[in-house]
């Protein structure tokens, strides 16, 4: 009888040790977990708030795919106006920002942030003009009034106006209040098609790499390994291409004036 009681006590202690071990393991895993904050720019189609008040769009799906690969923590997603989203990385509020064009004519040393070493895809920027006017002189765009979406003025070697929304810029162009509007083709084309605007001419301005912005400093290498490693894995499995084909495509030649609207 005494032996049975002793065995029960030993079993109880062993079970207690096991439970304590499990609790400590969970606490250690949580302590070592590194949750990341993704800051996404609000872009029509690509990253916006859906009717259910949840983020939706291709860039949202991209970050979710990265989160599935990243096992050391969770990645939360929040959407902000473009400039604010980019500044979130600079100010340490977010661990990375999606997306930003990597401009070859601007040295990363001059920027308060840097880019993940692996790109997302390529993006075509289009010059939109009014069909009532002659084509703009591409060699002297500085002599025209041209606008772009806020946060993109540094893309161009000439002065451009900033508009908060794509709709605002295209409406101004359609009414003849500006000479041109430059922005990535998918979001602008979608607005033109949706609103059946015919008096717009379009031509390729330039094609750049679409990238993820990460901070400079001590966190740079670690975050780059997480983000770029995930992008390479997604690319190897073909999932990255599946996602990006619904975000950016090579330049497509078509003209709104030729549409049967």
Protein backbone atom coordinates (compact mmCIF):
# COMPACT_ATOMS: atom_id res chain seq x y z
CA UNK A 1 0.00 0.00 0.00
CA UNK A 2 2.81 2.35 0.90
CA UNK A 3 4.60 1.46 -2.33
CA UNK A 4 1.44 2.26 -4.34
CA UNK A 5 1.14 5.65 -2.64
CA UNK A 6 4.77 6.41 -3.35
CA UNK A 7 4.28 5.48 -7.02
CA UNK A 8 1.27 7.80 -7.23
CA UNK A 9 3.28 10.63 -5.70
CA UNK A 10 6.13 10.01 -8.14
CA UNK A 11 3.69 9.92 -11.06
CA UNK A 12 2.13 13.16 -9.85
CA UNK A 13 5.51 14.85 -9.58
CA UNK A 14 6.55 13.58 -13.00
CA UNK A 15 3.30 14.82 -14.54
CA UNK A 16 3.80 18.14 -12.79
CA UNK A 17 7.28 18.40 -14.20
CA UNK A 18 5.93 17.62 -17.66
CA UNK A 19 3.25 20.30 -17.40
CA UNK A 20 5.82 22.78 -16.08
CA UNK A 21 8.14 21.88 -18.94
CA UNK A 22 5.35 22.48 -21.48
CA UNK A 23 4.48 25.85 -19.91
CA UNK A 24 8.12 26.95 -19.91
CA UNK A 25 8.53 25.82 -23.53
CA UNK A 26 5.50 27.83 -24.61
CA UNK A 27 6.79 30.89 -22.76
CA UNK A 28 10.24 30.54 -24.31
CA UNK A 29 8.78 30.14 -27.79
CA UNK A 30 6.70 33.28 -27.29
CA UNK A 31 9.73 35.13 -25.98
CA UNK A 32 11.72 34.19 -29.08
CA UNK A 33 8.83 34.81 -31.49
CA UNK A 34 9.30 37.91 -33.56
CA UNK A 35 6.02 39.32 -34.81
CA UNK A 36 6.35 41.70 -37.74
CA UNK A 37 4.23 44.67 -38.79
CA UNK A 38 3.51 45.12 -42.47
CA UNK A 39 2.50 48.60 -43.61
CA UNK A 40 0.70 48.59 -46.96
CA UNK A 41 -0.07 51.63 -49.07
CA UNK A 42 -3.71 52.13 -49.96
CA UNK A 43 -3.83 51.45 -53.70
CA UNK A 44 -6.99 50.77 -55.71
CA UNK A 45 -7.31 47.05 -56.53
CA UNK A 46 -3.93 46.13 -55.06
CA UNK A 47 -4.37 46.96 -51.37
CA UNK A 48 -7.59 48.43 -50.05
CA UNK A 49 -10.29 47.88 -47.43
CA UNK A 50 -13.05 45.53 -48.52
CA UNK A 51 -16.75 45.64 -47.72
CA UNK A 52 -16.09 43.43 -44.70
CA UNK A 53 -13.64 46.07 -43.37
CA UNK A 54 -10.73 43.68 -43.98
CA UNK A 55 -7.69 44.37 -46.20
CA UNK A 56 -7.90 42.89 -49.68
CA UNK A 57 -5.95 42.93 -52.94
CA UNK A 58 -2.87 41.40 -54.52
CA UNK A 59 -0.34 42.97 -52.17
CA UNK A 60 -2.40 41.79 -49.20
CA UNK A 61 -2.32 38.25 -50.60
CA UNK A 62 1.44 38.60 -51.08
CA UNK A 63 2.03 39.50 -47.42
CA UNK A 64 -0.26 36.68 -46.31
CA UNK A 65 1.81 34.28 -48.42
CA UNK A 66 5.00 35.57 -46.79
CA UNK A 67 3.36 35.12 -43.38
CA UNK A 68 2.63 31.45 -44.20
CA UNK A 69 6.33 30.87 -44.81
CA UNK A 70 7.52 32.89 -41.80
CA UNK A 71 7.36 30.55 -38.80
CA UNK A 72 9.02 32.61 -36.04
CA UNK A 73 6.06 34.91 -35.48
CA UNK A 74 3.01 36.49 -37.08
CA UNK A 75 2.81 39.29 -39.62
CA UNK A 76 0.03 41.82 -39.08
CA UNK A 77 -1.24 43.97 -41.93
CA UNK A 78 -2.42 47.57 -41.76
CA UNK A 79 -3.21 49.97 -44.59
CA UNK A 80 -2.24 53.65 -44.73
CA UNK A 81 -2.04 56.49 -47.26
CA UNK A 82 1.08 55.92 -49.38
CA UNK A 83 3.41 58.53 -47.85
CA UNK A 84 2.42 57.65 -44.30
CA UNK A 85 2.91 53.94 -44.95
CA UNK A 86 6.42 54.55 -46.25
CA UNK A 87 7.25 56.78 -43.28
CA UNK A 88 6.10 54.04 -40.91
CA UNK A 89 9.24 52.10 -41.81
CA UNK A 90 11.49 55.14 -41.44
CA UNK A 91 9.99 55.95 -38.03
CA UNK A 92 10.14 52.38 -36.74
CA UNK A 93 6.36 51.94 -36.62
CA UNK A 94 6.42 49.13 -39.18
CA UNK A 95 8.98 46.49 -40.16
CA UNK A 96 8.35 46.73 -43.91
CA UNK A 97 6.29 48.64 -46.45
CA UNK A 98 4.65 47.34 -49.63
CA UNK A 99 5.19 48.40 -52.38
CA UNK A 100 7.73 50.87 -53.74
CA UNK A 101 9.45 51.21 -57.07
CA UNK A 102 13.21 50.80 -56.95
CA UNK A 103 14.60 53.69 -58.95
CA UNK A 104 18.03 53.08 -60.51
CA UNK A 105 18.83 56.80 -60.72
CA UNK A 106 18.54 57.29 -56.95
CA UNK A 107 21.29 55.95 -54.68
CA UNK A 108 20.02 53.98 -51.67
CA UNK A 109 22.66 55.73 -49.58
CA UNK A 110 20.67 58.96 -49.93
CA UNK A 111 17.41 57.36 -48.75
CA UNK A 112 16.21 56.97 -45.14
CA UNK A 113 15.20 53.37 -45.96
CA UNK A 114 16.37 50.58 -48.23
CA UNK A 115 14.88 47.76 -50.31
CA UNK A 116 14.63 44.02 -49.78
CA UNK A 117 17.25 42.37 -51.98
CA UNK A 118 14.60 40.26 -53.76
CA UNK A 119 12.09 42.18 -55.89
CA UNK A 120 8.37 41.43 -56.12
CA UNK A 121 7.95 41.88 -59.85
CA UNK A 122 8.22 44.57 -62.55
CA UNK A 123 5.74 47.38 -62.97
CA UNK A 124 4.90 49.49 -66.00
CA UNK A 125 4.34 53.21 -65.41
CA UNK A 126 2.21 54.85 -68.06
CA UNK A 127 2.04 58.43 -69.30
CA UNK A 128 -1.60 59.44 -69.71
CA UNK A 129 -2.48 62.50 -71.79
CA UNK A 130 -5.59 64.14 -73.20
CA UNK A 131 -6.51 63.19 -76.76
CA UNK A 132 -7.60 66.78 -77.44
CA UNK A 133 -3.93 67.82 -77.31
CA UNK A 134 -0.87 66.78 -79.27
CA UNK A 135 1.43 64.14 -77.84
CA UNK A 136 3.84 65.53 -75.28
CA UNK A 137 7.51 65.99 -76.11
CA UNK A 138 9.03 63.13 -74.14
CA UNK A 139 12.45 64.81 -74.10
CA UNK A 140 11.05 67.97 -72.50
CA UNK A 141 8.39 66.86 -70.07
CA UNK A 142 9.55 69.56 -67.66
CA UNK A 143 7.70 72.18 -69.72
CA UNK A 144 4.30 70.59 -69.07
CA UNK A 145 1.99 70.39 -66.07
CA UNK A 146 2.15 66.72 -65.08
CA UNK A 147 0.76 65.04 -61.97
CA UNK A 148 1.27 61.74 -60.17
CA UNK A 149 -0.05 60.07 -57.03
CA UNK A 150 1.19 61.51 -53.74
CA UNK A 151 4.45 59.91 -52.65
CA UNK A 152 5.83 59.43 -56.18
CA UNK A 153 7.30 62.82 -57.07
CA UNK A 154 10.87 61.56 -56.63
CA UNK A 155 10.33 59.13 -59.49
CA UNK A 156 10.79 61.90 -62.02
CA UNK A 157 13.65 64.23 -62.98
CA UNK A 158 11.19 67.10 -63.43
CA UNK A 159 8.63 68.87 -61.25
CA UNK A 160 5.28 67.09 -60.95
CA UNK A 161 2.11 67.83 -59.01
CA UNK A 162 0.93 65.46 -56.27
CA UNK A 163 -2.65 64.22 -56.20
CA UNK A 164 -3.96 62.16 -53.30
CA UNK A 165 -5.97 59.81 -55.50
CA UNK A 166 -5.75 58.35 -58.98
CA UNK A 167 -9.34 59.37 -59.65
CA UNK A 168 -8.50 63.00 -58.87
CA UNK A 169 -5.56 63.02 -61.28
CA UNK A 170 -7.38 61.39 -64.18
CA UNK A 171 -10.43 63.61 -63.74
CA UNK A 172 -8.20 66.69 -63.91
CA UNK A 173 -6.55 65.31 -67.05
CA UNK A 174 -9.87 64.49 -68.71
CA UNK A 175 -11.07 68.05 -68.06
CA UNK A 176 -7.86 69.52 -69.52
CA UNK A 177 -6.63 71.02 -66.24
CA UNK A 178 -3.26 69.24 -66.50
CA UNK A 179 -1.19 68.05 -69.48
CA UNK A 180 -0.33 64.59 -68.25
CA UNK A 181 -0.61 62.03 -65.48
CA UNK A 182 1.95 59.29 -64.76
CA UNK A 183 1.20 56.24 -62.64
CA UNK A 184 1.26 52.42 -62.78
CA UNK A 185 -1.02 51.03 -65.44
CA UNK A 186 -3.29 48.54 -63.64
CA UNK A 187 -4.88 50.89 -61.12
CA UNK A 188 -5.27 53.76 -63.59
CA UNK A 189 -6.52 51.54 -66.42
CA UNK A 190 -9.09 50.04 -64.08
CA UNK A 191 -10.41 53.51 -63.19
CA UNK A 192 -10.57 54.51 -66.87
CA UNK A 193 -12.41 51.33 -67.86
CA UNK A 194 -14.79 51.49 -64.91
CA UNK A 195 -15.74 55.09 -65.70
CA UNK A 196 -15.61 54.63 -69.51
CA UNK A 197 -13.37 57.63 -70.09
CA UNK A 198 -12.56 57.97 -73.79
CA UNK A 199 -10.54 61.19 -74.13
CA UNK A 200 -7.37 59.69 -72.62
CA UNK A 201 -4.25 58.68 -74.54
CA UNK A 202 -1.76 56.26 -72.97
CA UNK A 203 1.86 55.25 -73.65
CA UNK A 204 4.60 53.49 -71.69
CA UNK A 205 6.70 55.86 -69.61
CA UNK A 206 9.10 53.39 -67.96
CA UNK A 207 9.23 49.90 -66.45
CA UNK A 208 10.77 49.51 -62.97
CA UNK A 209 11.19 46.88 -60.26
CA UNK A 210 8.41 46.77 -57.69
CA UNK A 211 10.01 46.12 -54.30
CA UNK A 212 9.46 45.90 -50.56
CA UNK A 213 10.89 48.66 -48.36
CA UNK A 214 12.77 47.66 -45.19
CA UNK A 215 14.53 49.77 -42.55
CA UNK A 216 18.19 50.64 -42.43
CA UNK A 217 20.17 49.95 -39.27
CA UNK A 218 20.47 46.90 -37.01
CA UNK A 219 17.22 45.26 -38.16
CA UNK A 220 18.07 45.51 -41.86
CA UNK A 221 19.85 42.19 -42.38
CA UNK A 222 17.39 40.15 -40.34
CA UNK A 223 14.29 41.56 -42.01
CA UNK A 224 15.86 41.26 -45.46
CA UNK A 225 16.59 37.58 -44.83
CA UNK A 226 12.97 37.02 -43.77
CA UNK A 227 11.35 38.94 -46.63
CA UNK A 228 13.75 38.07 -49.47
CA UNK A 229 13.98 34.44 -48.36
CA UNK A 230 10.19 34.15 -48.44
CA UNK A 231 9.97 35.82 -51.86
CA UNK A 232 12.56 33.43 -53.28
CA UNK A 233 10.68 30.46 -51.86
CA UNK A 234 7.39 31.73 -53.28
CA UNK A 235 9.05 32.27 -56.64
CA UNK A 236 10.53 28.75 -56.66
CA UNK A 237 7.10 27.21 -56.08
CA UNK A 238 5.40 29.45 -58.65
CA UNK A 239 3.10 31.03 -56.06
CA UNK A 240 4.72 34.45 -56.39
CA UNK A 241 4.00 34.48 -60.12
CA UNK A 242 0.39 33.45 -59.45
CA UNK A 243 -0.03 36.41 -57.11
CA UNK A 244 1.84 39.03 -59.15
CA UNK A 245 0.04 38.24 -62.41
CA UNK A 246 -2.99 39.87 -60.77
CA UNK A 247 -0.95 42.86 -59.58
CA UNK A 248 1.39 43.98 -62.35
CA UNK A 249 1.76 42.86 -65.95
CA UNK A 250 4.05 43.96 -68.76
CA UNK A 251 2.85 47.07 -70.57
CA UNK A 252 -0.34 46.43 -72.55
CA UNK A 253 -0.98 48.51 -75.65
CA UNK A 254 -4.58 49.71 -75.84
CA UNK A 255 -6.31 53.06 -76.19
CA UNK A 256 -9.48 54.18 -74.37
CA UNK A 257 -10.58 56.19 -77.42
CA UNK A 258 -10.84 52.94 -79.39
CA UNK A 259 -13.12 51.24 -76.89
CA UNK A 260 -16.79 50.75 -77.76
CA UNK A 261 -18.12 52.54 -74.68
